[in-house]
Amino acid sequence: MSASELAHHLCLTEPKLSFHPDRRSDRDIHPLSGLLRFGPYSKGLLVPDPIRVATIAPAGEGGRLYAFMKELNSFYKPSERKDYLPEWPGFQRVFNVRMTGAGGDCHFELDAGLEARLKESPTPHVVLADAITRAAQRLHARRSAFDVLFIYLPERWSMGFVGGLNEDFDLHDHIKAVSASRGVPVQIVREDKALAYADRASVMWRIGLALYAKAGGIPWKLADTDPETAFIGISYSVRPVESGEPRFVTCCSQVFDADGSGLEFIAYNTHEFEVQRDNPFLSRTEMFRVMTRAMDLYRRRHAGRIPRRVMVHKTTEFKPQEVDGCMEAFNLCEAVDLVQVVEDVGWRGVLVNGPFNDRPAQAAMFPVPRGTVLGIAPAEALVWTHGSVKKISDKGSYFQGSRSTPRPLRIIRHAGHGPWDDTAWAILALTKMDWNNDALYDPLPVTLAYAKVLSRVVKRISRLGSRPYQFRFFM
């Protein structure tokens, strides 16, 4: 395809975030600056004060983890990402609630013999997972005395973080599956990524945001969205054949409402599907079931009403039977958009300035602006969710990561019509709704980013209940 055959591109404005349920003035495009200026969206709502933290640590190292928790109440200046990351003034200053250690009986140290058993065992991941699971079970008896559990993992235990060759095991996902089944939000504290990481401001922002959200807080929501639109992300996880469990699990990520808020999701085992290129595709009946349950979840949160418009995102194409199942489930909605979002594309884009007067055109100093949309076919477009952003840094345009040529997402509409503005803007806005990350945005919309997390963890839960799950237990 030549340049002359491409449609004119669009440049969408950077989506704003809201930090108050009523005051329209409390808005900012920068999530962290917005928190410092206005406080969190759920300030004054039902968030525990103080947030009580329980701990699990190696033998003799509980004090090191407690010292790390005390750092959250300290002041730090950033030493990296200075054009984006603000100073960390302390947890209470940011979130307007206190953070403290739970009562003395909520702090557990693993036995001293664990170290030797890990080194001697041919399956150290089994030994470590069993030790942490038993400790977590003991703390569960004191569940009413704490709000979030911190688990400290030193780097010397890294041999137990993953399984052996051809073993589908990840300690992080195993811990999340066990704790989520018991309704306990967990923050895993890695030595290399938290305790020993050089930029303390960066660590405090990441852990502080995660702690507040896992305790039930809402840092921010989207501003300027259609109040009658719902967003659904659907993903599939695959269990190992050796597990003896149903091969595929359908994970429907949070059903997000218009402001990006979605704190629950549904997941259940699929029975009617076909596999193509290692990807499952649902029958009409199965897709109808999962989308109907998604709508039930939306109605339960919105006083029984249905959305006027529904946008469904997934990373594989929508087969005709899946389209039919969605349309049947959403038959009362005025508009339905079924959008495939493809990450791995060969396209690139370079921003060129000029020509100006007698000067020839030349490549700009910054990459393509984030929010650039380029139609490449009647039902396909490229959306740059990664790129330069203005009004973030005093230095001019801000480019997250500061390296490489940003790659766009390719979006393919399998149902729906009209211009790309609304579809692309929704994807752009939803890249800013990950409360487990201190970055300006993620490459993927949260509908799919969360679905990826859920699909990894949910397949490790042996019994999937019919009730909705709260995502804060899986973060």
Protein backbone atom coordinates (compact mmCIF):
# COMPACT_ATOMS: atom_id res chain seq x y z
CA MET A 1 0.00 0.00 0.00
CA SER A 2 1.49 3.34 -1.02
CA ALA A 3 1.25 6.57 0.97
CA SER A 4 -1.16 7.99 -1.59
CA GLU A 5 -3.61 5.18 -0.85
CA LEU A 6 -3.72 5.86 2.91
CA ALA A 7 -6.58 7.81 4.45
CA HIS A 8 -5.98 11.07 6.29
CA HIS A 9 -4.89 10.51 9.87
CA LEU A 10 -6.53 11.75 13.08
CA CYS A 11 -4.83 13.09 16.21
CA LEU A 12 -6.92 12.41 19.31
CA THR A 13 -6.47 14.51 22.43
CA GLU A 14 -4.90 12.90 25.48
CA PRO A 15 -7.75 11.58 27.68
CA LYS A 16 -8.26 13.31 31.03
CA LEU A 17 -8.71 11.55 34.35
CA SER A 18 -11.21 12.52 37.03
CA PHE A 19 -10.24 12.76 40.71
CA HIS A 20 -13.62 13.64 42.22
CA PRO A 21 -17.11 12.16 41.63
CA ASP A 22 -18.76 15.60 41.41
CA ARG A 23 -16.20 18.37 40.82
CA ARG A 24 -15.49 18.64 37.09
CA SER A 25 -12.52 20.90 37.85
CA ASP A 26 -10.61 18.04 39.51
CA ARG A 27 -9.15 16.66 36.29
CA ASP A 28 -5.69 16.07 34.89
CA ILE A 29 -4.07 14.11 32.06
CA HIS A 30 -1.22 13.13 34.41
CA PRO A 31 -2.38 10.45 36.91
CA LEU A 32 0.26 11.14 39.57
CA SER A 33 0.13 14.93 39.35
CA GLY A 34 -3.65 14.68 39.55
CA LEU A 35 -3.39 12.66 42.77
CA LEU A 36 -1.07 15.26 44.29
CA ARG A 37 -3.33 18.16 43.27
CA PHE A 38 -6.74 16.70 44.06
CA GLY A 39 -6.34 13.48 46.01
CA PRO A 40 -7.87 10.14 44.95
CA TYR A 41 -11.32 9.79 43.41
CA SER A 42 -12.57 7.78 46.40
CA LYS A 43 -11.32 10.26 49.01
CA GLY A 44 -13.83 10.33 51.86
CA LEU A 45 -15.54 7.13 50.68
CA LEU A 46 -15.41 3.69 52.30
CA VAL A 47 -11.64 3.10 52.23
CA PRO A 48 -10.08 1.68 55.43
CA ASP A 49 -8.27 4.29 57.53
CA PRO A 50 -5.73 3.17 58.44
CA ILE A 51 -5.01 0.50 55.85
CA ARG A 52 -3.64 -2.36 57.96
CA VAL A 53 -0.87 -4.48 56.42
CA ALA A 54 -0.06 -8.07 57.44
CA THR A 55 3.28 -9.61 56.44
CA ILE A 56 5.00 -12.87 55.54
CA ALA A 57 8.81 -12.78 55.44
CA PRO A 58 11.81 -15.12 55.57
CA ALA A 59 13.06 -16.16 59.00
CA GLY A 60 14.71 -13.23 60.76
CA GLU A 61 13.79 -10.71 58.03
CA GLY A 62 10.40 -9.46 59.18
CA GLY A 63 12.10 -6.27 60.35
CA ARG A 64 13.45 -5.61 56.87
CA LEU A 65 9.95 -5.83 55.38
CA TYR A 66 8.54 -3.62 58.16
CA ALA A 67 11.26 -1.03 57.45
CA PHE A 68 10.21 -1.06 53.80
CA MET A 69 6.59 -0.40 54.83
CA LYS A 70 7.76 2.58 56.91
CA GLU A 71 9.39 4.00 53.78
CA LEU A 72 5.91 4.48 52.31
CA ASN A 73 5.41 7.26 54.87
CA SER A 74 8.67 9.00 53.92
CA PHE A 75 9.58 11.66 51.33
CA TYR A 76 11.59 10.80 48.20
CA LYS A 77 12.74 12.65 45.10
CA PRO A 78 12.88 10.69 41.84
CA SER A 79 16.24 9.82 40.30
CA GLU A 80 14.77 8.43 37.06
CA ARG A 81 11.96 9.48 34.71
CA LYS A 82 12.36 13.01 36.09
CA ASP A 83 10.34 14.46 33.21
CA TYR A 84 7.33 12.41 34.37
CA LEU A 85 7.68 11.15 37.93
CA PRO A 86 6.82 13.67 40.69
CA GLU A 87 8.22 13.63 44.23
CA TRP A 88 6.72 11.10 46.61
CA PRO A 89 5.49 13.04 49.67
CA GLY A 90 4.34 10.04 51.72
CA PHE A 91 1.38 7.69 51.55
CA GLN A 92 -1.01 9.76 53.69
CA ARG A 93 -0.25 12.97 51.79
CA VAL A 94 -1.14 11.30 48.48
CA PHE A 95 -4.17 9.20 49.42
CA ASN A 96 -5.56 11.00 52.48
CA VAL A 97 -5.58 7.77 54.54
CA ARG A 98 -2.94 6.25 56.81
CA MET A 99 -1.05 3.02 56.28
CA THR A 100 0.20 0.96 59.21
CA GLY A 101 1.22 -2.53 60.22
CA ALA A 102 -1.60 -4.73 61.43
CA GLY A 103 -1.67 -6.15 64.97
CA GLY A 104 1.29 -8.21 66.16
CA ASP A 105 -0.32 -11.57 65.45
CA CYS A 106 -0.61 -10.69 61.73
CA HIS A 107 3.13 -10.91 60.99
CA PHE A 108 4.52 -14.32 60.11
CA GLU A 109 8.11 -15.42 59.50
CA LEU A 110 8.76 -18.65 57.59
CA ASP A 111 10.79 -21.29 59.39
CA ALA A 112 14.57 -21.12 59.29
CA GLY A 113 14.90 -24.57 57.72
CA LEU A 114 13.19 -23.45 54.52
CA GLU A 115 16.46 -22.11 53.10
CA ALA A 116 18.16 -25.49 53.22
CA ARG A 117 15.13 -27.34 51.88
CA LEU A 118 14.98 -25.04 48.85
CA LYS A 119 18.62 -25.74 48.00
CA GLU A 120 18.32 -29.49 48.46
CA SER A 121 14.97 -30.08 46.73
CA PRO A 122 14.77 -31.01 43.02
CA THR A 123 11.47 -29.05 42.99
CA PRO A 124 12.19 -25.87 45.00
CA HIS A 125 9.11 -24.17 43.57
CA VAL A 126 6.88 -26.79 45.20
CA VAL A 127 8.64 -26.37 48.57
CA LEU A 128 8.41 -22.56 48.47
CA ALA A 129 4.80 -22.49 47.27
CA ASP A 130 3.79 -24.91 50.02
CA ALA A 131 5.52 -22.88 52.75
CA ILE A 132 3.91 -19.60 51.66
CA THR A 133 0.49 -21.21 51.21
CA ARG A 134 0.55 -22.65 54.73
CA ALA A 135 1.61 -19.29 56.18
CA ALA A 136 -1.16 -17.51 54.28
CA GLN A 137 -3.69 -20.03 55.55
CA ARG A 138 -2.66 -19.30 59.14
CA LEU A 139 -3.07 -15.57 58.55
CA HIS A 140 -6.49 -16.13 57.00
CA ALA A 141 -7.78 -17.05 60.45
CA ARG A 142 -7.03 -13.42 61.43
CA ARG A 143 -8.55 -11.94 58.24
CA SER A 144 -10.62 -9.35 60.11
CA ALA A 145 -7.44 -7.83 61.59
CA PHE A 146 -5.78 -6.75 58.32
CA ASP A 147 -6.64 -5.31 54.90
CA VAL A 148 -3.70 -6.24 52.63
CA LEU A 149 -0.99 -8.90 52.93
CA PHE A 150 2.64 -8.14 52.00
CA ILE A 151 4.82 -11.15 51.08
CA TYR A 152 8.57 -10.58 50.87
CA LEU A 153 10.52 -12.74 48.39
CA PRO A 154 14.33 -12.38 48.51
CA GLU A 155 16.25 -12.81 45.28
CA ARG A 156 18.18 -15.80 46.65
CA TRP A 157 14.91 -17.79 46.43
CA SER A 158 14.60 -17.19 42.70
CA MET A 159 15.07 -20.91 41.99
CA GLY A 160 11.56 -21.36 43.39
CA PHE A 161 9.86 -18.58 41.41
CA VAL A 162 9.16 -20.73 38.33
CA GLY A 163 8.76 -24.44 37.64
CA GLY A 164 11.10 -26.75 35.81
CA LEU A 165 11.24 -27.42 32.10
CA ASN A 166 7.78 -28.11 30.64
CA GLU A 167 6.13 -27.24 33.98
CA ASP A 168 3.40 -24.61 33.88
CA PHE A 169 4.16 -22.96 37.22
CA ASP A 170 4.67 -19.35 38.26
CA LEU A 171 4.95 -18.53 41.97
CA HIS A 172 3.39 -15.06 41.57
CA ASP A 173 0.32 -16.45 39.82
CA HIS A 174 0.08 -19.37 42.25
CA ILE A 175 0.05 -17.03 45.25
CA LYS A 176 -2.58 -14.83 43.62
CA ALA A 177 -4.80 -17.82 42.84
CA VAL A 178 -4.61 -19.11 46.43
CA SER A 179 -5.14 -15.72 48.05
CA ALA A 180 -7.93 -14.68 45.66
CA SER A 181 -9.83 -17.87 46.44
CA ARG A 182 -9.76 -16.79 50.10
CA GLY A 183 -10.58 -13.14 49.45
CA VAL A 184 -7.18 -11.77 50.54
CA PRO A 185 -5.48 -9.00 48.50
CA VAL A 186 -1.73 -9.61 48.32
CA GLN A 187 1.21 -7.38 47.43
CA ILE A 188 4.31 -9.40 46.53
CA VAL A 189 7.47 -7.49 47.48
CA ARG A 190 10.47 -8.66 45.44
CA GLU A 191 13.91 -7.77 46.73
CA ASP A 192 15.23 -6.77 43.30
CA LYS A 193 12.17 -4.77 42.25
CA ALA A 194 11.32 -3.12 45.57
CA LEU A 195 13.71 -3.38 48.50
CA ALA A 196 16.94 -3.01 46.50
CA TYR A 197 15.66 -0.83 43.62
CA ALA A 198 17.63 2.42 43.44
CA ASP A 199 14.87 4.95 42.72
CA ARG A 200 12.86 4.96 45.93
CA ALA A 201 10.29 7.47 44.63
CA SER A 202 9.47 5.12 41.74
CA VAL A 203 9.06 2.18 44.13
CA MET A 204 6.85 4.14 46.51
CA TRP A 205 4.54 5.32 43.72
CA ARG A 206 4.11 1.78 42.37
CA ILE A 207 3.59 0.11 45.74
CA GLY A 208 1.50 2.98 47.11
CA LEU A 209 -0.92 2.93 44.19
CA ALA A 210 -1.24 -0.85 44.35
CA LEU A 211 -1.79 -0.83 48.13
CA TYR A 212 -4.53 1.81 47.91
CA ALA A 213 -6.36 -0.01 45.10
CA LYS A 214 -6.03 -3.43 46.75
CA ALA A 215 -7.52 -2.00 49.94
CA GLY A 216 -10.59 -1.00 47.94
CA GLY A 217 -9.69 2.56 46.93
CA ILE A 218 -10.25 4.18 43.53
CA PRO A 219 -7.28 6.40 42.55
CA TRP A 220 -8.94 7.93 39.47
CA LYS A 221 -11.56 7.37 36.81
CA LEU A 222 -11.94 8.48 33.21
CA ALA A 223 -13.42 11.85 32.47
CA ASP A 224 -15.40 12.84 29.37
CA THR A 225 -16.91 9.48 28.49
CA ASP A 226 -20.34 8.51 27.27
CA PRO A 227 -22.25 7.49 30.44
CA GLU A 228 -24.24 4.89 28.49
CA THR A 229 -21.32 2.91 27.07
CA ALA A 230 -19.94 -0.34 28.49
CA PHE A 231 -16.57 -1.89 27.65
CA ILE A 232 -15.91 -5.62 27.87
CA GLY A 233 -12.60 -7.43 27.51
CA ILE A 234 -12.63 -11.14 26.78
CA SER A 235 -9.69 -13.49 27.04
CA TYR A 236 -9.05 -17.22 27.20
CA SER A 237 -6.64 -19.16 29.37
CA VAL A 238 -5.33 -22.63 28.64
CA ARG A 239 -4.77 -25.25 31.33
CA PRO A 240 -2.13 -27.96 30.89
CA VAL A 241 -3.51 -31.26 29.62
CA GLU A 242 -1.96 -32.97 32.66
CA SER A 243 -4.15 -30.94 35.06
CA GLY A 244 -7.21 -33.07 34.34
CA GLU A 245 -9.29 -29.88 34.47
CA PRO A 246 -11.32 -28.47 31.53
CA ARG A 247 -8.82 -27.42 28.88
CA PHE A 248 -9.99 -23.83 28.37
CA VAL A 249 -11.32 -21.24 30.79
CA THR A 250 -13.19 -18.23 29.48
CA CYS A 251 -12.03 -15.13 31.31
CA CYS A 252 -14.23 -12.13 30.83
CA SER A 253 -12.33 -9.21 32.22
CA GLN A 254 -14.09 -6.49 34.16
CA VAL A 255 -17.16 -5.13 32.48
CA PHE A 256 -16.08 -1.51 32.53
CA ASP A 257 -18.64 1.22 32.61
CA ALA A 258 -18.21 4.53 30.85
CA ASP A 259 -15.84 6.09 33.38
CA GLY A 260 -13.54 3.09 33.29
CA SER A 261 -14.62 1.68 36.62
CA GLY A 262 -14.83 -2.09 36.82
CA LEU A 263 -13.95 -3.85 40.03
CA GLU A 264 -15.43 -7.27 39.30
CA PHE A 265 -15.20 -9.87 36.56
CA ILE A 266 -16.61 -13.25 35.67
CA ALA A 267 -14.82 -16.45 34.69
CA TYR A 268 -16.05 -19.92 33.93
CA ASN A 269 -15.10 -23.11 32.12
CA THR A 270 -15.99 -23.31 28.43
CA HIS A 271 -17.51 -26.43 26.90
CA GLU A 272 -18.40 -25.56 23.30
CA PHE A 273 -15.44 -24.30 21.29
CA GLU A 274 -13.12 -25.12 18.43
CA VAL A 275 -9.37 -24.58 18.33
CA GLN A 276 -7.60 -22.87 15.45
CA ARG A 277 -3.90 -21.93 15.64
CA ASP A 278 -3.93 -22.78 19.37
CA ASN A 279 -6.70 -20.24 19.95
CA PRO A 280 -10.18 -21.23 21.13
CA PHE A 281 -13.24 -19.81 19.38
CA LEU A 282 -16.60 -20.12 21.08
CA SER A 283 -19.83 -21.46 19.68
CA ARG A 284 -22.77 -19.09 19.31
CA THR A 285 -24.35 -20.55 22.45
CA GLU A 286 -21.15 -20.26 24.52
CA MET A 287 -20.51 -16.66 23.46
CA PHE A 288 -24.14 -15.82 24.22
CA ARG A 289 -23.69 -17.26 27.72
CA VAL A 290 -20.54 -15.33 28.57
CA MET A 291 -21.85 -12.03 27.18
CA THR A 292 -25.20 -12.48 28.92
CA ARG A 293 -23.39 -12.97 32.21
CA ALA A 294 -21.35 -9.87 31.48
CA MET A 295 -24.52 -7.87 30.94
CA ASP A 296 -26.01 -9.27 34.14
CA LEU A 297 -22.93 -8.00 35.98
CA TYR A 298 -23.33 -4.56 34.40
CA ARG A 299 -27.02 -4.35 35.25
CA ARG A 300 -26.38 -5.38 38.83
CA ARG A 301 -24.04 -2.40 39.21
CA HIS A 302 -26.32 0.05 37.37
CA ALA A 303 -29.74 -0.38 38.97
CA GLY A 304 -30.94 -2.82 36.32
CA ARG A 305 -30.42 -0.61 33.27
CA ILE A 306 -28.62 -1.74 30.12
CA PRO A 307 -26.00 0.33 28.28
CA ARG A 308 -26.93 2.10 25.07
CA ARG A 309 -23.65 1.00 23.48
CA VAL A 310 -21.31 -1.95 24.09
CA MET A 311 -17.70 -2.27 22.93
CA VAL A 312 -16.11 -5.72 23.18
CA HIS A 313 -12.34 -6.11 22.84
CA LYS A 314 -10.36 -9.31 22.25
CA THR A 315 -7.02 -10.14 20.67
CA THR A 316 -8.27 -12.77 18.19
CA GLU A 317 -10.82 -12.35 15.44
CA PHE A 318 -14.55 -12.71 16.06
CA LYS A 319 -15.79 -15.74 14.15
CA PRO A 320 -19.30 -15.47 12.60
CA GLN A 321 -20.81 -17.66 15.33
CA GLU A 322 -19.21 -15.46 18.00
CA VAL A 323 -20.59 -12.33 16.34
CA ASP A 324 -24.06 -13.93 16.31
CA GLY A 325 -23.78 -14.85 20.01
CA CYS A 326 -22.79 -11.30 20.94
CA MET A 327 -25.59 -9.76 18.91
CA GLU A 328 -28.14 -12.04 20.54
CA ALA A 329 -26.89 -11.14 24.02
CA PHE A 330 -26.87 -7.40 23.26
CA ASN A 331 -30.14 -7.30 21.32
CA LEU A 332 -31.52 -4.50 23.53
CA CYS A 333 -28.48 -2.25 23.01
CA GLU A 334 -28.59 0.40 20.28
CA ALA A 335 -24.99 -0.10 19.13
CA VAL A 336 -22.49 -2.94 19.38
CA ASP A 337 -18.79 -2.71 18.44
CA LEU A 338 -16.79 -5.95 18.28
CA VAL A 339 -13.15 -4.94 18.00
CA GLN A 340 -10.10 -7.13 17.57
CA VAL A 341 -6.93 -5.52 18.97
CA VAL A 342 -3.66 -6.81 17.48
CA GLU A 343 -0.38 -5.97 19.25
CA ASP A 344 2.24 -7.52 16.97
CA VAL A 345 2.12 -5.54 13.75
CA GLY A 346 4.77 -4.67 11.19
CA TRP A 347 3.70 -1.06 10.83
CA ARG A 348 5.79 1.88 12.05
CA GLY A 349 5.32 5.60 11.72
CA VAL A 350 7.79 8.48 11.73
CA LEU A 351 6.78 12.09 12.39
CA VAL A 352 8.05 14.42 9.69
CA ASN A 353 8.11 18.20 10.01
CA GLY A 354 7.86 20.50 7.05
CA PRO A 355 8.70 21.44 4.47
CA PHE A 356 8.86 25.04 5.68
CA ASN A 357 9.63 27.82 3.21
CA ASP A 358 12.87 26.75 1.53
CA ARG A 359 13.72 24.08 4.11
CA PRO A 360 13.05 20.46 3.15
CA ALA A 361 10.98 18.11 5.27
CA GLN A 362 12.88 16.33 8.02
CA ALA A 363 12.24 13.85 10.78
CA ALA A 364 11.03 15.37 14.02
CA MET A 365 12.93 15.05 17.29
CA PHE A 366 10.00 13.21 18.88
CA PRO A 367 8.04 10.20 17.59
CA VAL A 368 4.47 10.07 16.30
CA PRO A 369 2.08 11.62 18.83
CA ARG A 370 0.17 9.23 21.05
CA GLY A 371 -3.43 9.19 19.86
CA THR A 372 -2.58 9.17 16.15
CA VAL A 373 -5.16 7.14 14.20
CA LEU A 374 -4.68 6.03 10.60
CA GLY A 375 -7.31 4.12 8.65
CA ILE A 376 -5.80 1.41 6.43
CA ALA A 377 -8.99 -0.35 5.25
CA PRO A 378 -12.75 0.14 5.61
CA ALA A 379 -12.79 -1.93 8.84
CA GLU A 380 -9.17 -1.56 9.95
CA ALA A 381 -7.10 1.20 11.50
CA LEU A 382 -3.82 1.77 13.28
CA VAL A 383 -3.86 3.46 16.69
CA TRP A 384 -0.69 4.71 18.35
CA THR A 385 -1.29 4.22 22.07
CA HIS A 386 2.47 4.67 22.52
CA GLY A 387 4.04 7.91 21.38
CA SER A 388 4.88 11.45 22.41
CA VAL A 389 2.54 13.41 24.69
CA LYS A 390 2.48 17.16 25.27
CA LYS A 391 1.81 18.99 28.57
CA ILE A 392 3.36 16.25 30.69
CA SER A 393 6.90 17.55 30.94
CA ASP A 394 8.37 21.05 31.10
CA LYS A 395 10.88 19.87 28.50
CA GLY A 396 8.22 19.66 25.79
CA SER A 397 6.89 16.38 24.49
CA TYR A 398 7.13 13.38 26.79
CA PHE A 399 7.97 9.99 25.29
CA GLN A 400 7.45 7.12 27.74
CA GLY A 401 10.47 4.83 27.75
CA SER A 402 12.45 7.30 25.63
CA ARG A 403 13.62 4.70 23.12
CA SER A 404 12.60 2.78 19.99
CA THR A 405 10.08 3.71 17.33
CA PRO A 406 6.58 3.29 18.78
CA ARG A 407 4.53 0.47 17.32
CA PRO A 408 0.78 1.02 16.77
CA LEU A 409 -2.07 -1.29 17.63
CA ARG A 410 -4.04 -2.62 14.68
CA ILE A 411 -7.75 -2.55 15.37
CA ILE A 412 -10.20 -4.51 13.25
CA ARG A 413 -13.93 -3.93 13.59
CA HIS A 414 -15.94 -7.15 13.16
CA ALA A 415 -19.21 -5.40 13.99
CA GLY A 416 -20.16 -1.75 14.26
CA HIS A 417 -19.88 1.18 11.93
CA GLY A 418 -19.17 4.90 11.75
CA PRO A 419 -15.92 6.90 12.03
CA TRP A 420 -12.97 5.63 14.05
CA ASP A 421 -12.99 8.51 16.55
CA ASP A 422 -15.09 6.90 19.31
CA THR A 423 -13.65 3.39 18.93
CA ALA A 424 -10.04 4.57 18.92
CA TRP A 425 -10.55 7.13 21.69
CA ALA A 426 -12.06 4.48 23.98
CA ILE A 427 -8.99 2.27 23.45
CA LEU A 428 -6.68 5.23 24.09
CA ALA A 429 -8.52 6.22 27.27
CA LEU A 430 -8.61 2.69 28.66
CA THR A 431 -4.80 2.47 28.45
CA LYS A 432 -4.77 4.88 31.43
CA MET A 433 -6.91 2.78 33.78
CA ASP A 434 -4.36 0.36 35.25
CA TRP A 435 -4.19 1.11 38.98
CA ASN A 436 -1.34 -1.37 39.42
CA ASN A 437 1.09 0.80 37.47
CA ASP A 438 2.53 4.28 37.96
CA ALA A 439 3.12 4.92 34.24
CA LEU A 440 1.15 7.44 32.19
CA TYR A 441 -0.37 4.58 30.18
CA ASP A 442 -0.08 0.93 29.20
CA PRO A 443 0.33 -0.16 25.57
CA LEU A 444 -2.97 -2.10 25.78
CA PRO A 445 -6.40 -0.92 26.94
CA VAL A 446 -7.20 -2.15 30.43
CA THR A 447 -9.95 -4.38 29.04
CA LEU A 448 -7.23 -6.58 27.54
CA ALA A 449 -4.35 -5.84 29.95
CA TYR A 450 -6.46 -7.02 32.91
CA ALA A 451 -7.80 -9.95 30.89
CA LYS A 452 -4.22 -11.13 30.37
CA VAL A 453 -3.58 -11.06 34.12
CA LEU A 454 -6.83 -12.84 34.86
CA SER A 455 -6.25 -15.57 32.29
CA ARG A 456 -2.86 -16.39 33.85
CA VAL A 457 -4.19 -16.62 37.39
CA VAL A 458 -7.70 -18.03 36.94
CA LYS A 459 -6.50 -21.22 35.26
CA ARG A 460 -4.74 -22.07 38.53
CA ILE A 461 -8.01 -21.96 40.50
CA SER A 462 -9.36 -25.50 40.54
CA ARG A 463 -12.97 -24.56 41.28
CA LEU A 464 -14.48 -21.57 39.54
CA GLY A 465 -17.53 -20.28 41.33
CA SER A 466 -20.48 -18.66 39.58
CA ARG A 467 -20.14 -15.47 41.62
CA PRO A 468 -18.23 -12.47 40.25
CA TYR A 469 -14.63 -12.04 41.41
CA GLN A 470 -13.13 -8.77 42.62
CA PHE A 471 -10.13 -7.86 40.52
CA ARG A 472 -8.21 -6.30 43.43
CA PHE A 473 -7.48 -9.85 44.64
CA PHE A 474 -5.70 -10.61 41.33
CA MET A 475 -3.65 -7.40 40.92
